[in-house]
Amino acid sequence: MYDKDAFMLAGAPGGRVNLGTVDLDAGDLVFRDGTLTLHLSHEEPSDPAARANWLPAPDGEFCLIIRAYVPDRTILDDSYQFPDVIRKQ
């Protein structure tokens, strides 16, 4: 998660500026019915499961980047379809 100027969110709640690094135990994420929903928002979710999957966002525009450090063939040949980011109001 980066702000509109490509800087990581300074002072992110809980210090979380990304998901999926060695700093985050995958067991900390909450799956429901086999799916993982990530919550990207400036406001902290009130639901405990949503809060566990929350990535704090700046108040305003932001840039979401997916990094694949050890990509498999589907990433390299562009056949992998990343899930849509759905904006909720």
PDB file of N, CA and C in Angstrom:
ATOM      1  N   MET A   1       0.857  -1.170   0.000  1.00  0.00           N
ATOM      2  CA  MET A   1       0.000   0.000   0.000  1.00  0.00           C
ATOM      3  C   MET A   1       0.900   1.228   0.000  1.00  0.00           C
ATOM      4  N   TYR A   2       0.680   2.080  -0.960  1.00  0.00           N
ATOM      5  CA  TYR A   2       1.421   3.328  -1.066  1.00  0.00           C
ATOM      6  C   TYR A   2       0.437   4.487  -1.205  1.00  0.00           C
ATOM      7  N   ASP A   3       0.861   5.656  -0.794  1.00  0.00           N
ATOM      8  CA  ASP A   3       0.008   6.823  -1.016  1.00  0.00           C
ATOM      9  C   ASP A   3       0.160   7.269  -2.465  1.00  0.00           C
ATOM     10  N   LYS A   4      -0.524   8.336  -2.842  1.00  0.00           N
ATOM     11  CA  LYS A   4      -0.524   8.769  -4.250  1.00  0.00           C
ATOM     12  C   LYS A   4       0.848   9.215  -4.733  1.00  0.00           C
ATOM     13  N   ASP A   5       1.762   9.483  -3.800  1.00  0.00           N
ATOM     14  CA  ASP A   5       3.119   9.891  -4.164  1.00  0.00           C
ATOM     15  C   ASP A   5       4.115   8.740  -4.067  1.00  0.00           C
ATOM     16  N   ALA A   6       3.617   7.515  -3.947  1.00  0.00           N
ATOM     17  CA  ALA A   6       4.414   6.286  -3.907  1.00  0.00           C
ATOM     18  C   ALA A   6       5.236   6.135  -2.630  1.00  0.00           C
ATOM     19  N   PHE A   7       4.698   6.630  -1.516  1.00  0.00           N
ATOM     20  CA  PHE A   7       5.330   6.429  -0.219  1.00  0.00           C
ATOM     21  C   PHE A   7       4.456   5.491   0.606  1.00  0.00           C
ATOM     22  N   MET A   8       5.110   4.612   1.396  1.00  0.00           N
ATOM     23  CA  MET A   8       4.340   3.765   2.308  1.00  0.00           C
ATOM     24  C   MET A   8       3.660   4.646   3.337  1.00  0.00           C
ATOM     25  N   LEU A   9       2.543   4.178   3.842  1.00  0.00           N
ATOM     26  CA  LEU A   9       1.735   4.931   4.780  1.00  0.00           C
ATOM     27  C   LEU A   9       2.499   5.129   6.091  1.00  0.00           C
ATOM     28  N   ALA A  10       2.874   6.340   6.359  1.00  0.00           N
ATOM     29  CA  ALA A  10       3.571   6.658   7.605  1.00  0.00           C
ATOM     30  C   ALA A  10       2.598   6.548   8.764  1.00  0.00           C
ATOM     31  N   GLY A  11       3.020   5.946   9.832  1.00  0.00           N
ATOM     32  CA  GLY A  11       2.166   5.839  11.004  1.00  0.00           C
ATOM     33  C   GLY A  11       0.955   4.962  10.815  1.00  0.00           C
ATOM     34  N   ALA A  12       1.064   3.934   9.970  1.00  0.00           N
ATOM     35  CA  ALA A  12      -0.061   3.029   9.741  1.00  0.00           C
ATOM     36  C   ALA A  12      -0.442   2.353  11.048  1.00  0.00           C
ATOM     37  N   PRO A  13      -1.743   2.245  11.327  1.00  0.00           N
ATOM     38  CA  PRO A  13      -2.179   1.571  12.550  1.00  0.00           C
ATOM     39  C   PRO A  13      -1.588   0.162  12.647  1.00  0.00           C
ATOM     40  N   GLY A  14      -1.010  -0.146  13.782  1.00  0.00           N
ATOM     41  CA  GLY A  14      -0.401  -1.462  13.974  1.00  0.00           C
ATOM     42  C   GLY A  14       0.871  -1.647  13.172  1.00  0.00           C
ATOM     43  N   GLY A  15       1.308  -0.619  12.449  1.00  0.00           N
ATOM     44  CA  GLY A  15       2.515  -0.714  11.636  1.00  0.00           C
ATOM     45  C   GLY A  15       2.357  -1.528  10.369  1.00  0.00           C
ATOM     46  N   ARG A  16       1.134  -1.919  10.036  1.00  0.00           N
ATOM     47  CA  ARG A  16       0.912  -2.761   8.852  1.00  0.00           C
ATOM     48  C   ARG A  16       0.824  -1.897   7.599  1.00  0.00           C
ATOM     49  N   VAL A  17       1.768  -2.086   6.692  1.00  0.00           N
ATOM     50  CA  VAL A  17       1.742  -1.381   5.409  1.00  0.00           C
ATOM     51  C   VAL A  17       1.651  -2.349   4.236  1.00  0.00           C
ATOM     52  N   ASN A  18       1.645  -3.651   4.552  1.00  0.00           N
ATOM     53  CA  ASN A  18       1.503  -4.654   3.507  1.00  0.00           C
ATOM     54  C   ASN A  18       0.980  -5.944   4.114  1.00  0.00           C
ATOM     55  N   LEU A  19       0.615  -6.874   3.271  1.00  0.00           N
ATOM     56  CA  LEU A  19       0.165  -8.202   3.687  1.00  0.00           C
ATOM     57  C   LEU A  19       0.991  -9.234   2.945  1.00  0.00           C
ATOM     58  N   GLY A  20       1.385 -10.281   3.644  1.00  0.00           N
ATOM     59  CA  GLY A  20       2.082 -11.372   2.977  1.00  0.00           C
ATOM     60  C   GLY A  20       3.580 -11.380   3.166  1.00  0.00           C
ATOM     61  N   THR A  21       4.104 -10.580   4.063  1.00  0.00           N
ATOM     62  CA  THR A  21       5.541 -10.588   4.309  1.00  0.00           C
ATOM     63  C   THR A  21       5.853 -11.482   5.494  1.00  0.00           C
ATOM     64  N   VAL A  22       7.112 -11.604   5.792  1.00  0.00           N
ATOM     65  CA  VAL A  22       7.519 -12.411   6.945  1.00  0.00           C
ATOM     66  C   VAL A  22       7.043 -11.789   8.250  1.00  0.00           C
ATOM     67  N   ASP A  23       6.658 -10.516   8.214  1.00  0.00           N
ATOM     68  CA  ASP A  23       6.167  -9.849   9.411  1.00  0.00           C
ATOM     69  C   ASP A  23       4.732 -10.238   9.753  1.00  0.00           C
ATOM     70  N   LEU A  24       4.056 -10.909   8.857  1.00  0.00           N
ATOM     71  CA  LEU A  24       2.656 -11.273   9.077  1.00  0.00           C
ATOM     72  C   LEU A  24       2.518 -12.784   9.006  1.00  0.00           C
ATOM     73  N   ASP A  25       2.053 -13.382  10.066  1.00  0.00           N
ATOM     74  CA  ASP A  25       1.783 -14.807  10.092  1.00  0.00           C
ATOM     75  C   ASP A  25       0.512 -15.059   9.291  1.00  0.00           C
ATOM     76  N   ALA A  26       0.586 -15.921   8.293  1.00  0.00           N
ATOM     77  CA  ALA A  26      -0.598 -16.195   7.468  1.00  0.00           C
ATOM     78  C   ALA A  26      -1.760 -16.680   8.321  1.00  0.00           C
ATOM     79  N   GLY A  27      -1.489 -17.243   9.487  1.00  0.00           N
ATOM     80  CA  GLY A  27      -2.544 -17.674  10.385  1.00  0.00           C
ATOM     81  C   GLY A  27      -3.306 -16.509  10.988  1.00  0.00           C
ATOM     82  N   ASP A  28      -2.778 -15.294  10.850  1.00  0.00           N
ATOM     83  CA  ASP A  28      -3.463 -14.108  11.354  1.00  0.00           C
ATOM     84  C   ASP A  28      -4.611 -13.686  10.446  1.00  0.00           C
ATOM     85  N   LEU A  29      -4.604 -14.132   9.191  1.00  0.00           N
ATOM     86  CA  LEU A  29      -5.664 -13.782   8.249  1.00  0.00           C
ATOM     87  C   LEU A  29      -6.862 -14.694   8.454  1.00  0.00           C
ATOM     88  N   VAL A  30      -8.059 -14.178   8.203  1.00  0.00           N
ATOM     89  CA  VAL A  30      -9.293 -14.930   8.402  1.00  0.00           C
ATOM     90  C   VAL A  30      -9.904 -15.285   7.048  1.00  0.00           C
ATOM     91  N   PHE A  31     -10.073 -16.586   6.814  1.00  0.00           N
ATOM     92  CA  PHE A  31     -10.721 -17.087   5.608  1.00  0.00           C
ATOM     93  C   PHE A  31     -12.151 -17.464   5.966  1.00  0.00           C
ATOM     94  N   ARG A  32     -13.091 -17.151   5.076  1.00  0.00           N
ATOM     95  CA  ARG A  32     -14.492 -17.542   5.247  1.00  0.00           C
ATOM     96  C   ARG A  32     -14.920 -18.330   4.025  1.00  0.00           C
ATOM     97  N   ASP A  33     -15.418 -19.528   4.267  1.00  0.00           N
ATOM     98  CA  ASP A  33     -15.856 -20.412   3.172  1.00  0.00           C
ATOM     99  C   ASP A  33     -14.761 -20.594   2.126  1.00  0.00           C
ATOM    100  N   GLY A  34     -13.511 -20.658   2.571  1.00  0.00           N
ATOM    101  CA  GLY A  34     -12.392 -20.884   1.663  1.00  0.00           C
ATOM    102  C   GLY A  34     -11.931 -19.665   0.894  1.00  0.00           C
ATOM    103  N   THR A  35     -12.511 -18.507   1.172  1.00  0.00           N
ATOM    104  CA  THR A  35     -12.099 -17.299   0.461  1.00  0.00           C
ATOM    105  C   THR A  35     -11.450 -16.312   1.420  1.00  0.00           C
ATOM    106  N   LEU A  36     -10.607 -15.494   0.869  1.00  0.00           N
ATOM    107  CA  LEU A  36      -9.923 -14.463   1.629  1.00  0.00           C
ATOM    108  C   LEU A  36     -10.345 -13.105   1.086  1.00  0.00           C
ATOM    109  N   THR A  37     -10.933 -12.299   1.939  1.00  0.00           N
ATOM    110  CA  THR A  37     -11.316 -10.945   1.567  1.00  0.00           C
ATOM    111  C   THR A  37     -10.425  -9.987   2.329  1.00  0.00           C
ATOM    112  N   LEU A  38      -9.699  -9.170   1.591  1.00  0.00           N
ATOM    113  CA  LEU A  38      -8.846  -8.159   2.205  1.00  0.00           C
ATOM    114  C   LEU A  38      -9.616  -6.850   2.262  1.00  0.00           C
ATOM    115  N   HIS A  39      -9.458  -6.127   3.339  1.00  0.00           N
ATOM    116  CA  HIS A  39     -10.159  -4.859   3.529  1.00  0.00           C
ATOM    117  C   HIS A  39      -9.137  -3.733   3.490  1.00  0.00           C
ATOM    118  N   LEU A  40      -9.256  -2.890   2.473  1.00  0.00           N
ATOM    119  CA  LEU A  40      -8.356  -1.753   2.303  1.00  0.00           C
ATOM    120  C   LEU A  40      -9.162  -0.501   2.563  1.00  0.00           C
ATOM    121  N   SER A  41      -8.877   0.166   3.665  1.00  0.00           N
ATOM    122  CA  SER A  41      -9.641   1.360   3.995  1.00  0.00           C
ATOM    123  C   SER A  41      -8.874   2.226   4.982  1.00  0.00           C
ATOM    124  N   HIS A  42      -9.256   3.488   5.012  1.00  0.00           N
ATOM    125  CA  HIS A  42      -8.643   4.412   5.964  1.00  0.00           C
ATOM    126  C   HIS A  42      -9.164   4.148   7.375  1.00  0.00           C
ATOM    127  N   GLU A  43     -10.454   3.826   7.462  1.00  0.00           N
ATOM    128  CA  GLU A  43     -11.085   3.557   8.759  1.00  0.00           C
ATOM    129  C   GLU A  43     -10.928   2.089   9.136  1.00  0.00           C
ATOM    130  N   GLU A  44     -10.620   1.844  10.379  1.00  0.00           N
ATOM    131  CA  GLU A  44     -10.481   0.477  10.869  1.00  0.00           C
ATOM    132  C   GLU A  44     -11.856  -0.201  10.917  1.00  0.00           C
ATOM    133  N   PRO A  45     -11.980  -1.402  10.334  1.00  0.00           N
ATOM    134  CA  PRO A  45     -13.263  -2.111  10.374  1.00  0.00           C
ATOM    135  C   PRO A  45     -13.649  -2.474  11.810  1.00  0.00           C
ATOM    136  N   SER A  46     -14.949  -2.507  12.075  1.00  0.00           N
ATOM    137  CA  SER A  46     -15.416  -2.885  13.405  1.00  0.00           C
ATOM    138  C   SER A  46     -15.521  -4.405  13.558  1.00  0.00           C
ATOM    139  N   ASP A  47     -15.770  -5.117  12.457  1.00  0.00           N
ATOM    140  CA  ASP A  47     -15.872  -6.571  12.478  1.00  0.00           C
ATOM    141  C   ASP A  47     -14.478  -7.178  12.725  1.00  0.00           C
ATOM    142  N   PRO A  48     -14.333  -8.065  13.713  1.00  0.00           N
ATOM    143  CA  PRO A  48     -13.017  -8.635  14.025  1.00  0.00           C
ATOM    144  C   PRO A  48     -12.363  -9.363  12.845  1.00  0.00           C
ATOM    145  N   ALA A  49     -13.132 -10.097  12.055  1.00  0.00           N
ATOM    146  CA  ALA A  49     -12.559 -10.801  10.902  1.00  0.00           C
ATOM    147  C   ALA A  49     -12.077  -9.809   9.855  1.00  0.00           C
ATOM    148  N   ALA A  50     -12.854  -8.769   9.611  1.00  0.00           N
ATOM    149  CA  ALA A  50     -12.447  -7.741   8.653  1.00  0.00           C
ATOM    150  C   ALA A  50     -11.209  -7.016   9.163  1.00  0.00           C
ATOM    151  N   ARG A  51     -11.145  -6.770  10.451  1.00  0.00           N
ATOM    152  CA  ARG A  51      -9.993  -6.088  11.045  1.00  0.00           C
ATOM    153  C   ARG A  51      -8.728  -6.939  10.902  1.00  0.00           C
ATOM    154  N   ALA A  52      -8.868  -8.262  11.030  1.00  0.00           N
ATOM    155  CA  ALA A  52      -7.720  -9.159  10.871  1.00  0.00           C
ATOM    156  C   ALA A  52      -7.168  -9.096   9.451  1.00  0.00           C
ATOM    157  N   ASN A  53      -8.039  -8.829   8.477  1.00  0.00           N
ATOM    158  CA  ASN A  53      -7.655  -8.777   7.061  1.00  0.00           C
ATOM    159  C   ASN A  53      -7.561  -7.349   6.545  1.00  0.00           C
ATOM    160  N   TRP A  54      -7.366  -6.401   7.449  1.00  0.00           N
ATOM    161  CA  TRP A  54      -7.364  -4.979   7.104  1.00  0.00           C
ATOM    162  C   TRP A  54      -5.971  -4.491   6.739  1.00  0.00           C
ATOM    163  N   LEU A  55      -5.904  -3.800   5.637  1.00  0.00           N
ATOM    164  CA  LEU A  55      -4.690  -3.090   5.242  1.00  0.00           C
ATOM    165  C   LEU A  55      -5.031  -1.609   5.277  1.00  0.00           C
ATOM    166  N   PRO A  56      -4.477  -0.868   6.238  1.00  0.00           N
ATOM    167  CA  PRO A  56      -4.797   0.554   6.357  1.00  0.00           C
ATOM    168  C   PRO A  56      -4.400   1.321   5.094  1.00  0.00           C
ATOM    169  N   ALA A  57      -5.295   2.179   4.655  1.00  0.00           N
ATOM    170  CA  ALA A  57      -5.077   2.985   3.454  1.00  0.00           C
ATOM    171  C   ALA A  57      -5.024   4.460   3.827  1.00  0.00           C
ATOM    172  N   PRO A  58      -4.330   5.252   3.025  1.00  0.00           N
ATOM    173  CA  PRO A  58      -4.321   6.694   3.271  1.00  0.00           C
ATOM    174  C   PRO A  58      -5.730   7.272   3.125  1.00  0.00           C
ATOM    175  N   ASP A  59      -5.930   8.422   3.687  1.00  0.00           N
ATOM    176  CA  ASP A  59      -7.197   9.133   3.534  1.00  0.00           C
ATOM    177  C   ASP A  59      -7.113   9.888   2.210  1.00  0.00           C
ATOM    178  N   GLY A  60      -7.546   9.252   1.150  1.00  0.00           N
ATOM    179  CA  GLY A  60      -7.446   9.832  -0.189  1.00  0.00           C
ATOM    180  C   GLY A  60      -6.958   8.778  -1.163  1.00  0.00           C
ATOM    181  N   GLU A  61      -6.311   9.223  -2.210  1.00  0.00           N
ATOM    182  CA  GLU A  61      -5.835   8.310  -3.243  1.00  0.00           C
ATOM    183  C   GLU A  61      -4.713   7.430  -2.711  1.00  0.00           C
ATOM    184  N   PHE A  62      -4.632   6.208  -3.271  1.00  0.00           N
ATOM    185  CA  PHE A  62      -3.544   5.309  -2.916  1.00  0.00           C
ATOM    186  C   PHE A  62      -3.206   4.427  -4.102  1.00  0.00           C
ATOM    187  N   CYS A  63      -2.101   3.724  -3.977  1.00  0.00           N
ATOM    188  CA  CYS A  63      -1.632   2.827  -5.022  1.00  0.00           C
ATOM    189  C   CYS A  63      -1.470   1.440  -4.413  1.00  0.00           C
ATOM    190  N   LEU A  64      -2.166   0.471  -4.945  1.00  0.00           N
ATOM    191  CA  LEU A  64      -2.090  -0.902  -4.476  1.00  0.00           C
ATOM    192  C   LEU A  64      -1.184  -1.672  -5.427  1.00  0.00           C
ATOM    193  N   ILE A  65      -0.156  -2.296  -4.887  1.00  0.00           N
ATOM    194  CA  ILE A  65       0.808  -3.028  -5.708  1.00  0.00           C
ATOM    195  C   ILE A  65       0.885  -4.470  -5.235  1.00  0.00           C
ATOM    196  N   ILE A  66       0.858  -5.397  -6.177  1.00  0.00           N
ATOM    197  CA  ILE A  66       1.037  -6.811  -5.859  1.00  0.00           C
ATOM    198  C   ILE A  66       2.431  -7.200  -6.343  1.00  0.00           C
ATOM    199  N   ARG A  67       3.219  -7.697  -5.413  1.00  0.00           N
ATOM    200  CA  ARG A  67       4.577  -8.131  -5.757  1.00  0.00           C
ATOM    201  C   ARG A  67       4.648  -9.643  -5.683  1.00  0.00           C
ATOM    202  N   ALA A  68       5.241 -10.240  -6.668  1.00  0.00           N
ATOM    203  CA  ALA A  68       5.431 -11.690  -6.694  1.00  0.00           C
ATOM    204  C   ALA A  68       6.937 -11.942  -6.733  1.00  0.00           C
ATOM    205  N   TYR A  69       7.512 -12.217  -5.572  1.00  0.00           N
ATOM    206  CA  TYR A  69       8.961 -12.388  -5.478  1.00  0.00           C
ATOM    207  C   TYR A  69       9.451 -13.717  -6.032  1.00  0.00           C
ATOM    208  N   VAL A  70       8.619 -14.730  -5.989  1.00  0.00           N
ATOM    209  CA  VAL A  70       8.976 -16.028  -6.559  1.00  0.00           C
ATOM    210  C   VAL A  70       7.814 -16.451  -7.462  1.00  0.00           C
ATOM    211  N   PRO A  71       7.696 -15.793  -8.615  1.00  0.00           N
ATOM    212  CA  PRO A  71       6.537 -16.041  -9.478  1.00  0.00           C
ATOM    213  C   PRO A  71       6.585 -17.412 -10.134  1.00  0.00           C
ATOM    214  N   ASP A  72       5.402 -17.986 -10.317  1.00  0.00           N
ATOM    215  CA  ASP A  72       5.337 -19.231 -11.069  1.00  0.00           C
ATOM    216  C   ASP A  72       5.036 -18.904 -12.534  1.00  0.00           C
ATOM    217  N   ARG A  73       4.869 -19.936 -13.335  1.00  0.00           N
ATOM    218  CA  ARG A  73       4.670 -19.753 -14.771  1.00  0.00           C
ATOM    219  C   ARG A  73       3.469 -18.867 -15.077  1.00  0.00           C
ATOM    220  N   THR A  74       2.371 -19.022 -14.317  1.00  0.00           N
ATOM    221  CA  THR A  74       1.157 -18.263 -14.621  1.00  0.00           C
ATOM    222  C   THR A  74       1.343 -16.762 -14.421  1.00  0.00           C
ATOM    223  N   ILE A  75       2.185 -16.385 -13.484  1.00  0.00           N
ATOM    224  CA  ILE A  75       2.483 -14.961 -13.301  1.00  0.00           C
ATOM    225  C   ILE A  75       3.375 -14.479 -14.443  1.00  0.00           C
ATOM    226  N   LEU A  76       4.386 -15.270 -14.762  1.00  0.00           N
ATOM    227  CA  LEU A  76       5.342 -14.870 -15.795  1.00  0.00           C
ATOM    228  C   LEU A  76       4.733 -14.779 -17.186  1.00  0.00           C
ATOM    229  N   ASP A  77       3.777 -15.658 -17.499  1.00  0.00           N
ATOM    230  CA  ASP A  77       3.183 -15.604 -18.845  1.00  0.00           C
ATOM    231  C   ASP A  77       1.869 -14.822 -18.887  1.00  0.00           C
ATOM    232  N   ASP A  78       1.538 -14.136 -17.788  1.00  0.00           N
ATOM    233  CA  ASP A  78       0.350 -13.276 -17.713  1.00  0.00           C
ATOM    234  C   ASP A  78      -0.971 -14.030 -17.797  1.00  0.00           C
ATOM    235  N   SER A  79      -0.964 -15.336 -17.528  1.00  0.00           N
ATOM    236  CA  SER A  79      -2.229 -16.065 -17.589  1.00  0.00           C
ATOM    237  C   SER A  79      -2.960 -16.049 -16.246  1.00  0.00           C
ATOM    238  N   TYR A  80      -2.281 -15.689 -15.163  1.00  0.00           N
ATOM    239  CA  TYR A  80      -2.947 -15.600 -13.869  1.00  0.00           C
ATOM    240  C   TYR A  80      -3.864 -14.388 -13.853  1.00  0.00           C
ATOM    241  N   GLN A  81      -5.083 -14.589 -13.386  1.00  0.00           N
ATOM    242  CA  GLN A  81      -6.047 -13.494 -13.302  1.00  0.00           C
ATOM    243  C   GLN A  81      -6.150 -13.041 -11.849  1.00  0.00           C
ATOM    244  N   PHE A  82      -5.642 -11.863 -11.555  1.00  0.00           N
ATOM    245  CA  PHE A  82      -5.755 -11.328 -10.210  1.00  0.00           C
ATOM    246  C   PHE A  82      -7.210 -10.977  -9.931  1.00  0.00           C
ATOM    247  N   PRO A  83      -7.633 -11.128  -8.686  1.00  0.00           N
ATOM    248  CA  PRO A  83      -9.027 -10.795  -8.359  1.00  0.00           C
ATOM    249  C   PRO A  83      -9.277  -9.299  -8.495  1.00  0.00           C
ATOM    250  N   ASP A  84     -10.521  -8.961  -8.732  1.00  0.00           N
ATOM    251  CA  ASP A  84     -10.896  -7.558  -8.849  1.00  0.00           C
ATOM    252  C   ASP A  84     -10.846  -6.879  -7.496  1.00  0.00           C
ATOM    253  N   VAL A  85     -10.539  -5.608  -7.516  1.00  0.00           N
ATOM    254  CA  VAL A  85     -10.663  -4.764  -6.324  1.00  0.00           C
ATOM    255  C   VAL A  85     -12.021  -4.106  -6.451  1.00  0.00           C
ATOM    256  N   ILE A  86     -12.873  -4.330  -5.460  1.00  0.00           N
ATOM    257  CA  ILE A  86     -14.239  -3.820  -5.495  1.00  0.00           C
ATOM    258  C   ILE A  86     -14.387  -2.713  -4.467  1.00  0.00           C
ATOM    259  N   ARG A  87     -14.788  -1.549  -4.935  1.00  0.00           N
ATOM    260  CA  ARG A  87     -14.974  -0.402  -4.032  1.00  0.00           C
ATOM    261  C   ARG A  87     -16.368  -0.444  -3.421  1.00  0.00           C
ATOM    262  N   LYS A  88     -16.403  -0.393  -2.101  1.00  0.00           N
ATOM    263  CA  LYS A  88     -17.686  -0.344  -1.387  1.00  0.00           C
ATOM    264  C   LYS A  88     -17.834   1.028  -0.772  1.00  0.00           C
ATOM    265  N   GLN A  89     -19.039   1.510  -0.797  1.00  0.00           N
ATOM    266  CA  GLN A  89     -19.292   2.851  -0.222  1.00  0.00           C
ATOM    267  C   GLN A  89     -19.834   2.742   1.162  1.00  0.00           C
TER     268      GLN A  89
END
